[in-house]
Amino acid sequence: MHQFERVFKDWMLIVFMKRVVRPWGDFRQFVLNEKCTVKILSVKPFGELSLQKHNRRREMWYFLTDGFVQIGSKKKKIIRGEVVNIRKGLAHRIFSKGGRVDVLEISFGTFDEKDEVRLEDKYGRAT
């Protein structure tokens, strides 16, 4: 098992990422023929996303840099290359303790920004 495949089963879903080896190297396949929305999130130094949840979609985060997550009340450092899966209805956020944090986010299911329920937000946007 590679570092990027490590998961924290106590508060996240199992990772379904396929690693395919080729003569020239390998690739990691995150999704195949599934309805999804893909973004790259960039969190400024000392910035943080709202503590939020979604009722109609689940998310998968692939960390392009080191960063931090909060899932429910638990906080954890995530290192570059690790994957975090967030199931529907689970409170979550990404935050920085100093450096910029870049994350590939794949949302599965019906994507709608209105599905975002902000529970806490240091920028005054909580619902």
N, C-alpha and C. Protein backbone atom coordinates (compact mmCIF):
# COMPACT_ATOMS: atom_id res chain seq x y z
N MET A 1 0.84 -1.18 0.00
CA MET A 1 0.00 0.00 0.00
C MET A 1 0.88 1.24 0.00
N HIS A 2 0.59 2.15 -0.88
CA HIS A 2 1.35 3.39 -0.98
C HIS A 2 0.78 4.42 -0.02
N GLN A 3 1.60 5.42 0.29
CA GLN A 3 1.20 6.47 1.20
C GLN A 3 -0.10 7.13 0.73
N PHE A 4 -0.26 7.38 -0.58
CA PHE A 4 -1.44 8.07 -1.09
C PHE A 4 -2.70 7.22 -0.94
N GLU A 5 -2.57 5.94 -0.69
CA GLU A 5 -3.73 5.07 -0.55
C GLU A 5 -4.17 4.92 0.91
N ARG A 6 -3.41 5.51 1.83
CA ARG A 6 -3.73 5.39 3.24
C ARG A 6 -5.06 6.10 3.55
N VAL A 7 -5.88 5.48 4.35
CA VAL A 7 -7.15 6.08 4.74
C VAL A 7 -7.31 5.99 6.25
N PHE A 8 -8.18 6.81 6.77
CA PHE A 8 -8.47 6.79 8.19
C PHE A 8 -9.88 6.25 8.33
N LYS A 9 -10.00 4.94 8.48
CA LYS A 9 -11.29 4.26 8.45
C LYS A 9 -12.20 4.64 9.61
N ASP A 10 -11.64 5.22 10.67
CA ASP A 10 -12.49 5.57 11.81
C ASP A 10 -13.46 6.70 11.48
N TRP A 11 -13.16 7.55 10.51
CA TRP A 11 -14.08 8.63 10.19
C TRP A 11 -14.19 8.97 8.72
N MET A 12 -13.72 8.09 7.85
CA MET A 12 -13.84 8.32 6.41
C MET A 12 -14.20 7.04 5.69
N LEU A 13 -14.64 7.17 4.47
CA LEU A 13 -14.95 6.00 3.65
C LEU A 13 -13.67 5.36 3.12
N ILE A 14 -13.78 4.14 2.68
CA ILE A 14 -12.66 3.44 2.05
C ILE A 14 -12.37 4.11 0.70
N VAL A 15 -11.10 4.20 0.34
CA VAL A 15 -10.70 4.83 -0.92
C VAL A 15 -10.81 3.82 -2.06
N PHE A 16 -11.43 4.24 -3.13
CA PHE A 16 -11.51 3.42 -4.33
C PHE A 16 -10.71 4.12 -5.41
N MET A 17 -9.40 3.95 -5.37
CA MET A 17 -8.50 4.54 -6.35
C MET A 17 -7.71 3.39 -6.96
N LYS A 18 -7.69 3.37 -8.26
CA LYS A 18 -7.00 2.29 -8.97
C LYS A 18 -5.63 2.77 -9.42
N ARG A 19 -4.62 1.98 -9.13
CA ARG A 19 -3.26 2.26 -9.60
C ARG A 19 -2.96 1.28 -10.71
N VAL A 20 -2.60 1.81 -11.89
CA VAL A 20 -2.32 0.99 -13.05
C VAL A 20 -0.85 1.17 -13.44
N VAL A 21 -0.13 0.07 -13.52
CA VAL A 21 1.30 0.10 -13.85
C VAL A 21 1.46 -0.11 -15.35
N ARG A 22 2.31 0.71 -15.95
CA ARG A 22 2.66 0.63 -17.37
C ARG A 22 4.18 0.54 -17.48
N PRO A 23 4.69 0.16 -18.64
CA PRO A 23 6.16 0.11 -18.80
C PRO A 23 6.83 1.46 -18.55
N TRP A 24 6.12 2.54 -18.82
CA TRP A 24 6.68 3.89 -18.67
C TRP A 24 6.51 4.44 -17.26
N GLY A 25 5.75 3.75 -16.40
CA GLY A 25 5.49 4.24 -15.04
C GLY A 25 4.13 3.76 -14.59
N ASP A 26 3.30 4.66 -14.08
CA ASP A 26 1.96 4.28 -13.63
C ASP A 26 1.03 5.48 -13.66
N PHE A 27 -0.26 5.21 -13.43
CA PHE A 27 -1.22 6.29 -13.24
C PHE A 27 -2.23 5.88 -12.19
N ARG A 28 -2.86 6.88 -11.62
CA ARG A 28 -3.89 6.67 -10.60
C ARG A 28 -5.22 7.12 -11.17
N GLN A 29 -6.16 6.23 -11.17
CA GLN A 29 -7.49 6.52 -11.71
C GLN A 29 -8.45 6.73 -10.56
N PHE A 30 -9.01 7.93 -10.48
CA PHE A 30 -9.89 8.26 -9.37
C PHE A 30 -11.34 7.91 -9.67
N VAL A 31 -11.75 8.03 -10.93
CA VAL A 31 -13.14 7.81 -11.30
C VAL A 31 -13.18 7.36 -12.75
N LEU A 32 -14.16 6.53 -13.07
CA LEU A 32 -14.32 6.05 -14.44
C LEU A 32 -15.80 6.05 -14.80
N ASN A 33 -16.15 6.85 -15.81
CA ASN A 33 -17.52 6.87 -16.35
C ASN A 33 -18.58 7.09 -15.29
N GLU A 34 -18.31 7.97 -14.35
CA GLU A 34 -19.27 8.27 -13.29
C GLU A 34 -19.54 9.77 -13.30
N LYS A 35 -20.80 10.16 -13.05
CA LYS A 35 -21.17 11.56 -13.00
C LYS A 35 -20.46 12.22 -11.83
N CYS A 36 -19.66 13.25 -12.13
CA CYS A 36 -18.92 13.92 -11.07
C CYS A 36 -18.54 15.34 -11.50
N THR A 37 -18.13 16.13 -10.53
CA THR A 37 -17.61 17.48 -10.76
C THR A 37 -16.21 17.51 -10.17
N VAL A 38 -15.25 18.05 -10.93
CA VAL A 38 -13.85 18.06 -10.50
C VAL A 38 -13.37 19.51 -10.35
N LYS A 39 -12.72 19.79 -9.23
CA LYS A 39 -12.17 21.12 -8.95
C LYS A 39 -10.78 20.96 -8.35
N ILE A 40 -9.99 22.02 -8.45
CA ILE A 40 -8.77 22.12 -7.63
C ILE A 40 -9.01 23.27 -6.68
N LEU A 41 -8.99 22.96 -5.38
CA LEU A 41 -9.17 23.97 -4.34
C LEU A 41 -7.81 24.48 -3.91
N SER A 42 -7.67 25.79 -3.76
CA SER A 42 -6.44 26.41 -3.25
C SER A 42 -6.81 27.23 -2.03
N VAL A 43 -6.31 26.82 -0.88
CA VAL A 43 -6.60 27.50 0.38
C VAL A 43 -5.39 28.36 0.74
N LYS A 44 -5.66 29.64 0.95
CA LYS A 44 -4.60 30.59 1.29
C LYS A 44 -3.96 30.24 2.63
N PRO A 45 -2.71 30.70 2.87
CA PRO A 45 -2.10 30.49 4.18
C PRO A 45 -3.03 31.00 5.30
N PHE A 46 -3.25 30.17 6.29
CA PHE A 46 -4.12 30.42 7.44
C PHE A 46 -5.60 30.53 7.07
N GLY A 47 -5.96 30.16 5.83
CA GLY A 47 -7.35 30.17 5.41
C GLY A 47 -8.02 28.86 5.77
N GLU A 48 -9.35 28.85 5.67
CA GLU A 48 -10.09 27.61 5.93
C GLU A 48 -11.43 27.66 5.21
N LEU A 49 -11.87 26.50 4.78
CA LEU A 49 -13.20 26.38 4.22
C LEU A 49 -14.20 26.41 5.37
N SER A 50 -15.46 26.66 5.06
CA SER A 50 -16.52 26.55 6.05
C SER A 50 -16.56 25.11 6.55
N LEU A 51 -16.96 24.93 7.81
CA LEU A 51 -17.33 23.60 8.26
C LEU A 51 -18.70 23.38 7.63
N GLN A 52 -18.81 22.40 6.74
CA GLN A 52 -20.00 22.24 5.91
C GLN A 52 -20.36 20.79 5.72
N LYS A 53 -21.56 20.58 5.21
CA LYS A 53 -21.98 19.24 4.84
C LYS A 53 -22.85 19.34 3.59
N HIS A 54 -23.06 18.20 2.93
CA HIS A 54 -23.86 18.13 1.72
C HIS A 54 -24.83 16.96 1.85
N ASN A 55 -26.03 17.15 1.37
CA ASN A 55 -27.04 16.10 1.44
C ASN A 55 -27.15 15.29 0.16
N ARG A 56 -26.68 15.86 -0.98
CA ARG A 56 -26.87 15.17 -2.26
C ARG A 56 -25.57 14.76 -2.95
N ARG A 57 -24.47 14.91 -2.30
CA ARG A 57 -23.21 14.50 -2.93
C ARG A 57 -22.20 14.06 -1.88
N ARG A 58 -21.28 13.21 -2.31
CA ARG A 58 -20.12 12.84 -1.50
C ARG A 58 -18.90 13.43 -2.20
N GLU A 59 -17.81 13.56 -1.47
CA GLU A 59 -16.61 14.16 -2.04
C GLU A 59 -15.39 13.30 -1.78
N MET A 60 -14.42 13.42 -2.67
CA MET A 60 -13.12 12.80 -2.50
C MET A 60 -12.08 13.89 -2.68
N TRP A 61 -11.15 13.97 -1.74
CA TRP A 61 -10.07 14.95 -1.82
C TRP A 61 -8.75 14.22 -2.00
N TYR A 62 -7.99 14.65 -2.99
CA TYR A 62 -6.62 14.16 -3.20
C TYR A 62 -5.71 15.35 -2.94
N PHE A 63 -4.88 15.25 -1.90
CA PHE A 63 -4.06 16.39 -1.48
C PHE A 63 -2.82 16.53 -2.37
N LEU A 64 -2.73 17.68 -3.02
CA LEU A 64 -1.59 18.01 -3.88
C LEU A 64 -0.45 18.61 -3.07
N THR A 65 -0.76 19.11 -1.88
CA THR A 65 0.22 19.62 -0.92
C THR A 65 -0.20 19.10 0.46
N ASP A 66 0.64 19.28 1.44
CA ASP A 66 0.24 18.97 2.82
C ASP A 66 -0.87 19.93 3.25
N GLY A 67 -1.71 19.49 4.15
CA GLY A 67 -2.78 20.35 4.66
C GLY A 67 -3.43 19.71 5.88
N PHE A 68 -4.55 20.28 6.27
CA PHE A 68 -5.27 19.80 7.44
C PHE A 68 -6.75 19.66 7.11
N VAL A 69 -7.40 18.69 7.76
CA VAL A 69 -8.83 18.51 7.59
C VAL A 69 -9.50 18.45 8.95
N GLN A 70 -10.76 18.81 8.96
CA GLN A 70 -11.64 18.57 10.10
C GLN A 70 -12.80 17.76 9.57
N ILE A 71 -13.05 16.62 10.18
CA ILE A 71 -14.19 15.76 9.86
C ILE A 71 -14.97 15.62 11.16
N GLY A 72 -16.19 16.13 11.20
CA GLY A 72 -16.91 16.19 12.46
C GLY A 72 -16.13 17.07 13.42
N SER A 73 -15.80 16.57 14.58
CA SER A 73 -15.00 17.35 15.54
C SER A 73 -13.52 16.98 15.51
N LYS A 74 -13.15 15.97 14.70
CA LYS A 74 -11.76 15.52 14.65
C LYS A 74 -10.96 16.30 13.62
N LYS A 75 -9.72 16.65 13.99
CA LYS A 75 -8.82 17.36 13.08
C LYS A 75 -7.59 16.50 12.87
N LYS A 76 -7.07 16.53 11.64
CA LYS A 76 -5.94 15.67 11.32
C LYS A 76 -5.08 16.32 10.23
N LYS A 77 -3.76 16.14 10.34
CA LYS A 77 -2.86 16.58 9.28
C LYS A 77 -2.90 15.54 8.16
N ILE A 78 -2.97 16.02 6.93
CA ILE A 78 -2.96 15.15 5.75
C ILE A 78 -1.73 15.52 4.94
N ILE A 79 -0.99 14.53 4.51
CA ILE A 79 0.22 14.82 3.74
C ILE A 79 -0.05 14.67 2.23
N ARG A 80 0.77 15.35 1.48
CA ARG A 80 0.67 15.33 0.02
C ARG A 80 0.51 13.90 -0.49
N GLY A 81 -0.47 13.69 -1.38
CA GLY A 81 -0.69 12.38 -1.96
C GLY A 81 -1.73 11.54 -1.24
N GLU A 82 -2.19 11.99 -0.08
CA GLU A 82 -3.21 11.23 0.65
C GLU A 82 -4.60 11.57 0.12
N VAL A 83 -5.50 10.62 0.32
CA VAL A 83 -6.89 10.75 -0.14
C VAL A 83 -7.82 10.76 1.06
N VAL A 84 -8.80 11.67 1.02
CA VAL A 84 -9.83 11.75 2.05
C VAL A 84 -11.17 11.63 1.35
N ASN A 85 -12.03 10.74 1.81
CA ASN A 85 -13.37 10.58 1.27
C ASN A 85 -14.38 11.05 2.30
N ILE A 86 -15.32 11.86 1.84
CA ILE A 86 -16.33 12.44 2.71
C ILE A 86 -17.69 11.94 2.25
N ARG A 87 -18.41 11.23 3.11
CA ARG A 87 -19.73 10.73 2.73
C ARG A 87 -20.78 11.85 2.89
N LYS A 88 -21.91 11.67 2.26
CA LYS A 88 -23.01 12.62 2.34
C LYS A 88 -23.38 12.87 3.80
N GLY A 89 -23.66 14.12 4.13
CA GLY A 89 -24.14 14.46 5.46
C GLY A 89 -23.09 14.60 6.54
N LEU A 90 -21.80 14.37 6.21
CA LEU A 90 -20.73 14.43 7.20
C LEU A 90 -20.09 15.83 7.19
N ALA A 91 -20.02 16.48 8.35
CA ALA A 91 -19.41 17.81 8.45
C ALA A 91 -17.92 17.72 8.16
N HIS A 92 -17.40 18.67 7.36
CA HIS A 92 -16.00 18.61 6.94
C HIS A 92 -15.48 19.99 6.54
N ARG A 93 -14.16 20.12 6.57
CA ARG A 93 -13.49 21.32 6.06
C ARG A 93 -12.01 21.03 5.86
N ILE A 94 -11.39 21.84 5.02
CA ILE A 94 -9.94 21.86 4.80
C ILE A 94 -9.44 23.17 5.38
N PHE A 95 -8.26 23.13 6.00
CA PHE A 95 -7.70 24.39 6.51
C PHE A 95 -6.19 24.38 6.44
N SER A 96 -5.61 25.57 6.55
CA SER A 96 -4.17 25.76 6.50
C SER A 96 -3.67 26.27 7.84
N LYS A 97 -2.51 25.77 8.23
CA LYS A 97 -1.86 26.29 9.44
C LYS A 97 -0.63 27.12 9.08
N GLY A 98 -0.56 27.57 7.82
CA GLY A 98 0.57 28.41 7.45
C GLY A 98 0.83 28.46 5.96
N GLY A 99 0.99 27.32 5.33
CA GLY A 99 1.26 27.30 3.90
C GLY A 99 0.00 27.16 3.07
N ARG A 100 0.13 27.44 1.79
CA ARG A 100 -1.00 27.25 0.88
C ARG A 100 -1.31 25.76 0.77
N VAL A 101 -2.60 25.41 0.70
CA VAL A 101 -3.03 24.02 0.60
C VAL A 101 -3.78 23.86 -0.73
N ASP A 102 -3.33 22.92 -1.56
CA ASP A 102 -3.97 22.63 -2.84
C ASP A 102 -4.52 21.21 -2.82
N VAL A 103 -5.79 21.08 -3.24
CA VAL A 103 -6.49 19.80 -3.15
C VAL A 103 -7.31 19.59 -4.43
N LEU A 104 -7.18 18.41 -5.01
CA LEU A 104 -8.06 17.99 -6.10
C LEU A 104 -9.33 17.46 -5.45
N GLU A 105 -10.48 18.06 -5.78
CA GLU A 105 -11.75 17.64 -5.21
C GLU A 105 -12.62 17.03 -6.30
N ILE A 106 -13.13 15.84 -6.05
CA ILE A 106 -14.09 15.20 -6.95
C ILE A 106 -15.38 15.03 -6.17
N SER A 107 -16.46 15.65 -6.68
CA SER A 107 -17.78 15.54 -6.06
C SER A 107 -18.60 14.55 -6.86
N PHE A 108 -19.17 13.57 -6.18
CA PHE A 108 -19.98 12.52 -6.81
C PHE A 108 -21.44 12.74 -6.46
N GLY A 109 -22.30 12.66 -7.46
CA GLY A 109 -23.73 12.87 -7.24
C GLY A 109 -24.15 14.19 -7.85
N THR A 110 -25.30 14.67 -7.45
CA THR A 110 -25.84 15.91 -7.99
C THR A 110 -25.08 17.08 -7.38
N PHE A 111 -24.36 17.82 -8.23
CA PHE A 111 -23.58 18.95 -7.74
C PHE A 111 -24.42 20.21 -7.83
N ASP A 112 -24.53 20.91 -6.71
CA ASP A 112 -25.25 22.17 -6.65
C ASP A 112 -24.70 22.92 -5.45
N GLU A 113 -24.19 24.13 -5.68
CA GLU A 113 -23.64 24.91 -4.57
C GLU A 113 -24.69 25.14 -3.48
N LYS A 114 -25.97 25.11 -3.83
CA LYS A 114 -27.04 25.29 -2.84
C LYS A 114 -27.16 24.10 -1.89
N ASP A 115 -26.50 22.98 -2.23
CA ASP A 115 -26.50 21.80 -1.37
C ASP A 115 -25.51 21.95 -0.22
N GLU A 116 -24.76 23.03 -0.21
CA GLU A 116 -23.75 23.28 0.82
C GLU A 116 -24.42 23.90 2.04
N VAL A 117 -24.35 23.19 3.17
CA VAL A 117 -24.89 23.69 4.44
C VAL A 117 -23.69 24.10 5.28
N ARG A 118 -23.53 25.41 5.47
CA ARG A 118 -22.40 25.91 6.26
C ARG A 118 -22.77 25.89 7.74
N LEU A 119 -21.99 25.15 8.52
CA LEU A 119 -22.23 25.02 9.96
C LEU A 119 -21.44 26.05 10.76
N GLU A 120 -20.21 26.34 10.31
CA GLU A 120 -19.34 27.36 10.90
C GLU A 120 -18.57 28.01 9.76
N ASP A 121 -18.31 29.32 9.92
CA ASP A 121 -17.57 30.02 8.87
C ASP A 121 -16.93 31.28 9.45
N LYS A 122 -15.62 31.35 9.41
CA LYS A 122 -14.93 32.51 10.00
C LYS A 122 -15.10 33.77 9.14
N TYR A 123 -15.68 33.63 7.97
CA TYR A 123 -15.90 34.78 7.09
C TYR A 123 -17.36 35.29 7.15
N GLY A 124 -18.13 34.77 8.11
CA GLY A 124 -19.49 35.25 8.32
C GLY A 124 -20.53 34.73 7.34
N ARG A 125 -20.30 33.57 6.73
CA ARG A 125 -21.24 33.03 5.73
C ARG A 125 -22.02 31.82 6.22
N ALA A 126 -21.98 31.50 7.49
CA ALA A 126 -22.70 30.32 8.00
C ALA A 126 -24.20 30.48 7.78
N THR A 127 -24.87 29.35 7.50
CA THR A 127 -26.31 29.40 7.24
C THR A 127 -27.11 29.13 8.50
